[in-house]
Amino acid sequence: MREYHIMPINDICRPCKIHYSFIGKMENFENDVSRILKEIGAESYPYFAENFKKEYTSDAIHDIVQAYFAYRMDSDKCIDRHTGIKRVWLKLQIRGIISRTIPVPFTSKESLSLSFPKLLKSIIKARDISENEDMKAQKTMFITQAYSIIPLETMFKLQSVYKKSLQIFNYDLFSKHLFAPRRNSTIDTFCLN
């Protein structure tokens, strides 16, 4: 069986066989949801328009923190708790939820006894502080840096696997973010110092 998470999207949703009335994209999620709500007459809910991003990021934060605590005992066999917290923090920075300029606010010692509510509260505070920054640009920077260490030969192979999906859903086959100049190492972008 093929891995669902890496299958070309056109193999999953069959856009050429099923005639969808609307196809949204994650990078335009807020606008796409707003458009759908407008079309069904639900745009009159001001709470949604005013709080969408905060609700969306709160949900993502809660899921990530919950997953950390759910798997923490297994993780303890491989990494120390402070490294686990730093991974949670970096994941939220990569997703554009908290600024990469905000450091993990816990020491190694504090990480040992860190509670779910305390971690959640700290992340939400960091998210709120980050609101004035260009988080979309930060997300793009992380994506560009991640793909820049993949050899071009491999990128072209990936492109051929996903070419049909890219074309159907109107994505650039030679995105400047994915085909940026190559680097030989990750340098320190994804290192947990």
Foldseek 3Di string as FASTA:
>chain_A
DDDPVQAQVCVPPVCVVDPDPDDDDPVCVLVRVCVVCVVVVNNPPVCCVVCVVVVVLLVVLLVLLVVCVVCVVVCVVPDQQVVSLLVSVLVCLLVLQAPPVDDDPDDSVCSVPDDSVNSSVVSSVRSVVRVVDDSVVSNLVSLLLVLQAPDPVVLVVSLVSNVVSCVVVVHDSCDCSNPPHHDNDSPCSPPRD
